[in-house]
Amino acid sequence: MTDAKPRPGGWSEEAPVTEEVKKICIEAGKQAGVKFDVCVPETFKHQIVAGKNYLVKVKISEDNKYLHVNIYQALPVDGGDLSVTGVQYPKPRTDPLVPF
């Protein structure tokens, strides 16, 4: 059995997206001005730093096109702002989430 918590600075295991991560992903997409016919965050990893990094696998079309997106969330004391720090596209559904 593996521990679900990442070590400090390390990435968590890939897991199904939570409601919190869905909200973060949608808000980050709005801020980035991204619009897709389909936008379904499916799995994610996170990393605790001076804030939190998220790496999310997102389905963006009915014909199974995906992208991987890096999102940074600042600490609440720093405003909790979100920013998209990287995108990889196109990605097949089978590609694992690998930090980039």
N, C-alpha and C. Protein backbone atom coordinates (compact mmCIF):
# COMPACT_ATOMS: atom_id res chain seq x y z
N MET A 1 0.84 -1.18 0.00
CA MET A 1 0.00 0.00 0.00
C MET A 1 0.89 1.24 0.00
N THR A 2 0.57 2.20 -0.89
CA THR A 2 1.39 3.41 -0.96
C THR A 2 0.72 4.53 -0.19
N ASP A 3 1.50 5.43 0.32
CA ASP A 3 1.01 6.60 1.03
C ASP A 3 0.49 7.59 0.01
N ALA A 4 -0.71 8.11 0.18
CA ALA A 4 -1.32 9.05 -0.77
C ALA A 4 -0.67 10.43 -0.71
N LYS A 5 0.00 10.73 0.39
CA LYS A 5 0.62 12.05 0.53
C LYS A 5 2.00 12.04 -0.11
N PRO A 6 2.30 13.07 -0.95
CA PRO A 6 3.64 13.12 -1.52
C PRO A 6 4.64 13.58 -0.47
N ARG A 7 5.89 13.20 -0.67
CA ARG A 7 6.92 13.74 0.21
C ARG A 7 7.08 15.21 -0.10
N PRO A 8 7.60 16.03 0.82
CA PRO A 8 7.74 17.46 0.55
C PRO A 8 8.49 17.71 -0.76
N GLY A 9 7.89 18.48 -1.64
CA GLY A 9 8.50 18.79 -2.92
C GLY A 9 8.28 17.73 -3.98
N GLY A 10 7.79 16.55 -3.58
CA GLY A 10 7.56 15.46 -4.53
C GLY A 10 6.14 15.49 -5.08
N TRP A 11 5.93 14.74 -6.13
CA TRP A 11 4.61 14.66 -6.76
C TRP A 11 3.82 13.51 -6.16
N SER A 12 2.51 13.70 -6.03
CA SER A 12 1.62 12.65 -5.57
C SER A 12 1.45 11.60 -6.68
N GLU A 13 0.80 10.51 -6.35
CA GLU A 13 0.43 9.51 -7.34
C GLU A 13 -0.71 10.09 -8.19
N GLU A 14 -0.85 9.60 -9.43
CA GLU A 14 -1.96 10.02 -10.28
C GLU A 14 -3.26 9.49 -9.68
N ALA A 15 -4.27 10.36 -9.61
CA ALA A 15 -5.55 9.99 -8.99
C ALA A 15 -6.70 10.61 -9.77
N PRO A 16 -7.92 10.08 -9.60
CA PRO A 16 -9.08 10.71 -10.23
C PRO A 16 -9.24 12.15 -9.74
N VAL A 17 -9.73 12.99 -10.60
CA VAL A 17 -9.89 14.41 -10.28
C VAL A 17 -10.96 14.58 -9.20
N THR A 18 -10.68 15.45 -8.25
CA THR A 18 -11.63 15.80 -7.20
C THR A 18 -12.44 17.02 -7.65
N GLU A 19 -13.52 17.31 -6.93
CA GLU A 19 -14.32 18.51 -7.25
C GLU A 19 -13.47 19.77 -7.13
N GLU A 20 -12.59 19.83 -6.12
CA GLU A 20 -11.72 20.98 -5.94
C GLU A 20 -10.83 21.19 -7.16
N VAL A 21 -10.24 20.10 -7.67
CA VAL A 21 -9.35 20.21 -8.83
C VAL A 21 -10.14 20.58 -10.08
N LYS A 22 -11.37 20.06 -10.23
CA LYS A 22 -12.21 20.46 -11.36
C LYS A 22 -12.43 21.96 -11.36
N LYS A 23 -12.76 22.52 -10.20
CA LYS A 23 -12.99 23.96 -10.08
C LYS A 23 -11.73 24.75 -10.42
N ILE A 24 -10.58 24.28 -9.92
CA ILE A 24 -9.30 24.95 -10.20
C ILE A 24 -9.01 24.91 -11.70
N CYS A 25 -9.22 23.76 -12.33
CA CYS A 25 -8.95 23.59 -13.75
C CYS A 25 -9.86 24.50 -14.58
N ILE A 26 -11.14 24.54 -14.26
CA ILE A 26 -12.08 25.39 -15.00
C ILE A 26 -11.73 26.85 -14.83
N GLU A 27 -11.41 27.27 -13.62
CA GLU A 27 -11.05 28.67 -13.38
C GLU A 27 -9.76 29.04 -14.11
N ALA A 28 -8.78 28.16 -14.08
CA ALA A 28 -7.52 28.43 -14.78
C ALA A 28 -7.78 28.54 -16.29
N GLY A 29 -8.64 27.69 -16.83
CA GLY A 29 -8.99 27.76 -18.25
C GLY A 29 -9.66 29.07 -18.61
N LYS A 30 -10.56 29.55 -17.75
CA LYS A 30 -11.22 30.85 -17.98
C LYS A 30 -10.18 31.97 -18.01
N GLN A 31 -9.28 31.95 -17.03
CA GLN A 31 -8.26 33.00 -16.94
C GLN A 31 -7.35 32.98 -18.16
N ALA A 32 -7.10 31.78 -18.70
CA ALA A 32 -6.23 31.66 -19.86
C ALA A 32 -6.98 31.90 -21.17
N GLY A 33 -8.32 32.06 -21.08
CA GLY A 33 -9.12 32.31 -22.28
C GLY A 33 -9.26 31.08 -23.17
N VAL A 34 -9.17 29.89 -22.57
CA VAL A 34 -9.23 28.64 -23.33
C VAL A 34 -10.68 28.18 -23.43
N LYS A 35 -11.09 27.82 -24.65
CA LYS A 35 -12.45 27.31 -24.85
C LYS A 35 -12.37 26.05 -25.71
N PHE A 36 -13.01 24.97 -25.25
CA PHE A 36 -13.06 23.71 -25.97
C PHE A 36 -14.51 23.25 -26.02
N ASP A 37 -14.83 22.40 -27.01
CA ASP A 37 -16.17 21.82 -27.07
C ASP A 37 -16.43 20.95 -25.84
N VAL A 38 -15.41 20.25 -25.41
CA VAL A 38 -15.48 19.39 -24.23
C VAL A 38 -14.31 19.78 -23.34
N CYS A 39 -14.53 19.82 -22.06
CA CYS A 39 -13.42 20.10 -21.13
C CYS A 39 -13.70 19.29 -19.86
N VAL A 40 -13.11 18.08 -19.82
CA VAL A 40 -13.36 17.17 -18.70
C VAL A 40 -12.03 16.78 -18.05
N PRO A 41 -11.69 17.41 -16.93
CA PRO A 41 -10.50 16.98 -16.21
C PRO A 41 -10.72 15.56 -15.70
N GLU A 42 -9.76 14.66 -15.94
CA GLU A 42 -9.95 13.26 -15.56
C GLU A 42 -9.06 12.79 -14.42
N THR A 43 -7.76 13.03 -14.54
CA THR A 43 -6.84 12.61 -13.48
C THR A 43 -5.87 13.75 -13.20
N PHE A 44 -5.19 13.66 -12.04
CA PHE A 44 -4.25 14.72 -11.68
C PHE A 44 -3.19 14.20 -10.73
N LYS A 45 -2.12 14.98 -10.65
CA LYS A 45 -1.09 14.84 -9.63
C LYS A 45 -0.94 16.23 -9.02
N HIS A 46 -0.42 16.28 -7.81
CA HIS A 46 -0.13 17.58 -7.22
C HIS A 46 1.22 17.54 -6.50
N GLN A 47 1.76 18.74 -6.32
CA GLN A 47 3.06 18.90 -5.68
C GLN A 47 2.94 20.11 -4.76
N ILE A 48 3.31 19.92 -3.51
CA ILE A 48 3.28 21.03 -2.56
C ILE A 48 4.63 21.72 -2.59
N VAL A 49 4.59 23.01 -2.89
CA VAL A 49 5.78 23.86 -2.93
C VAL A 49 5.41 25.11 -2.13
N ALA A 50 5.90 26.26 -2.47
CA ALA A 50 5.43 27.51 -1.86
C ALA A 50 4.12 27.86 -2.57
N GLY A 51 3.12 27.05 -2.34
CA GLY A 51 1.86 27.04 -3.05
C GLY A 51 1.63 25.59 -3.45
N LYS A 52 0.93 25.38 -4.56
CA LYS A 52 0.65 24.02 -5.00
C LYS A 52 0.68 23.96 -6.52
N ASN A 53 1.38 22.97 -7.05
CA ASN A 53 1.37 22.69 -8.49
C ASN A 53 0.39 21.55 -8.75
N TYR A 54 -0.37 21.70 -9.83
CA TYR A 54 -1.27 20.64 -10.28
C TYR A 54 -0.87 20.27 -11.70
N LEU A 55 -0.88 18.99 -12.00
CA LEU A 55 -0.69 18.48 -13.35
C LEU A 55 -1.95 17.68 -13.65
N VAL A 56 -2.74 18.15 -14.64
CA VAL A 56 -4.07 17.60 -14.87
C VAL A 56 -4.19 17.08 -16.31
N LYS A 57 -4.79 15.88 -16.44
CA LYS A 57 -5.10 15.30 -17.75
C LYS A 57 -6.54 15.71 -18.07
N VAL A 58 -6.73 16.41 -19.22
CA VAL A 58 -8.04 16.96 -19.56
C VAL A 58 -8.49 16.45 -20.93
N LYS A 59 -9.68 15.87 -20.98
CA LYS A 59 -10.28 15.48 -22.26
C LYS A 59 -10.88 16.73 -22.88
N ILE A 60 -10.51 17.00 -24.17
CA ILE A 60 -10.96 18.25 -24.78
C ILE A 60 -11.76 18.05 -26.07
N SER A 61 -12.05 16.80 -26.42
CA SER A 61 -12.90 16.58 -27.60
C SER A 61 -13.57 15.22 -27.52
N GLU A 62 -14.66 15.10 -28.25
CA GLU A 62 -15.39 13.82 -28.28
C GLU A 62 -14.57 12.72 -28.96
N ASP A 63 -13.60 13.10 -29.81
CA ASP A 63 -12.78 12.07 -30.47
C ASP A 63 -11.50 11.77 -29.67
N ASN A 64 -11.62 11.88 -28.35
CA ASN A 64 -10.58 11.47 -27.40
C ASN A 64 -9.25 12.19 -27.56
N LYS A 65 -9.29 13.48 -27.76
CA LYS A 65 -8.06 14.28 -27.72
C LYS A 65 -7.92 14.81 -26.29
N TYR A 66 -6.69 14.78 -25.82
CA TYR A 66 -6.39 15.20 -24.45
C TYR A 66 -5.28 16.23 -24.45
N LEU A 67 -5.20 16.96 -23.35
CA LEU A 67 -4.03 17.80 -23.09
C LEU A 67 -3.64 17.60 -21.64
N HIS A 68 -2.38 17.89 -21.37
CA HIS A 68 -1.88 17.90 -20.00
C HIS A 68 -1.58 19.35 -19.68
N VAL A 69 -2.04 19.80 -18.54
CA VAL A 69 -1.88 21.20 -18.17
C VAL A 69 -1.27 21.30 -16.77
N ASN A 70 -0.28 22.19 -16.64
CA ASN A 70 0.30 22.54 -15.35
C ASN A 70 -0.39 23.79 -14.85
N ILE A 71 -0.84 23.75 -13.60
CA ILE A 71 -1.49 24.90 -12.98
C ILE A 71 -0.79 25.14 -11.65
N TYR A 72 -0.46 26.41 -11.38
CA TYR A 72 0.13 26.78 -10.10
C TYR A 72 -0.90 27.56 -9.31
N GLN A 73 -1.07 27.20 -8.04
CA GLN A 73 -1.95 27.94 -7.14
C GLN A 73 -1.10 28.50 -6.00
N ALA A 74 -1.09 29.83 -5.90
CA ALA A 74 -0.34 30.49 -4.84
C ALA A 74 -0.99 30.20 -3.49
N LEU A 75 -0.22 30.39 -2.44
CA LEU A 75 -0.74 30.23 -1.08
C LEU A 75 -1.85 31.25 -0.82
N PRO A 76 -2.82 30.91 0.03
CA PRO A 76 -3.88 31.87 0.35
C PRO A 76 -3.34 33.20 0.86
N VAL A 77 -2.27 33.16 1.63
CA VAL A 77 -1.68 34.40 2.15
C VAL A 77 -1.15 35.29 1.02
N ASP A 78 -0.84 34.67 -0.13
CA ASP A 78 -0.36 35.41 -1.31
C ASP A 78 -1.48 35.65 -2.31
N GLY A 79 -2.72 35.45 -1.89
CA GLY A 79 -3.87 35.71 -2.76
C GLY A 79 -4.50 34.48 -3.37
N GLY A 80 -3.82 33.32 -3.32
CA GLY A 80 -4.38 32.09 -3.86
C GLY A 80 -4.58 32.09 -5.36
N ASP A 81 -3.91 33.03 -6.07
CA ASP A 81 -4.08 33.15 -7.52
C ASP A 81 -3.67 31.88 -8.25
N LEU A 82 -4.35 31.64 -9.38
CA LEU A 82 -4.05 30.50 -10.25
C LEU A 82 -3.36 30.98 -11.51
N SER A 83 -2.44 30.17 -12.01
CA SER A 83 -1.84 30.48 -13.31
C SER A 83 -1.50 29.18 -14.03
N VAL A 84 -1.76 29.19 -15.34
CA VAL A 84 -1.38 28.06 -16.18
C VAL A 84 0.09 28.24 -16.51
N THR A 85 0.91 27.25 -16.15
CA THR A 85 2.35 27.39 -16.35
C THR A 85 2.88 26.51 -17.47
N GLY A 86 2.02 25.67 -18.05
CA GLY A 86 2.44 24.85 -19.18
C GLY A 86 1.31 23.99 -19.70
N VAL A 87 1.36 23.70 -21.01
CA VAL A 87 0.37 22.85 -21.65
C VAL A 87 1.08 21.94 -22.64
N GLN A 88 0.70 20.67 -22.64
CA GLN A 88 1.18 19.73 -23.65
C GLN A 88 -0.02 19.21 -24.42
N TYR A 89 0.02 19.34 -25.76
CA TYR A 89 -1.08 18.94 -26.63
C TYR A 89 -0.53 18.61 -27.99
N PRO A 90 -1.03 17.62 -28.68
CA PRO A 90 -2.05 16.66 -28.28
C PRO A 90 -1.43 15.52 -27.47
N LYS A 91 -2.25 14.89 -26.67
CA LYS A 91 -1.83 13.75 -25.87
C LYS A 91 -2.89 12.66 -25.98
N PRO A 92 -2.48 11.40 -26.13
CA PRO A 92 -3.47 10.32 -26.08
C PRO A 92 -3.87 10.06 -24.63
N ARG A 93 -5.01 9.47 -24.44
CA ARG A 93 -5.51 9.18 -23.09
C ARG A 93 -4.53 8.31 -22.31
N THR A 94 -3.81 7.46 -23.00
CA THR A 94 -2.92 6.50 -22.32
C THR A 94 -1.61 7.10 -21.82
N ASP A 95 -1.27 8.33 -22.24
CA ASP A 95 -0.03 8.95 -21.76
C ASP A 95 -0.12 9.24 -20.27
N PRO A 96 0.86 8.80 -19.49
CA PRO A 96 0.85 9.10 -18.05
C PRO A 96 1.17 10.58 -17.83
N LEU A 97 0.75 11.07 -16.69
CA LEU A 97 1.09 12.44 -16.30
C LEU A 97 2.53 12.47 -15.83
N VAL A 98 3.37 13.19 -16.56
CA VAL A 98 4.79 13.31 -16.23
C VAL A 98 5.10 14.80 -16.11
N PRO A 99 5.65 15.24 -14.99
CA PRO A 99 5.95 16.67 -14.83
C PRO A 99 6.79 17.19 -15.98
N PHE A 100 6.48 18.39 -16.44
CA PHE A 100 7.22 19.04 -17.52
C PHE A 100 7.42 20.49 -17.22
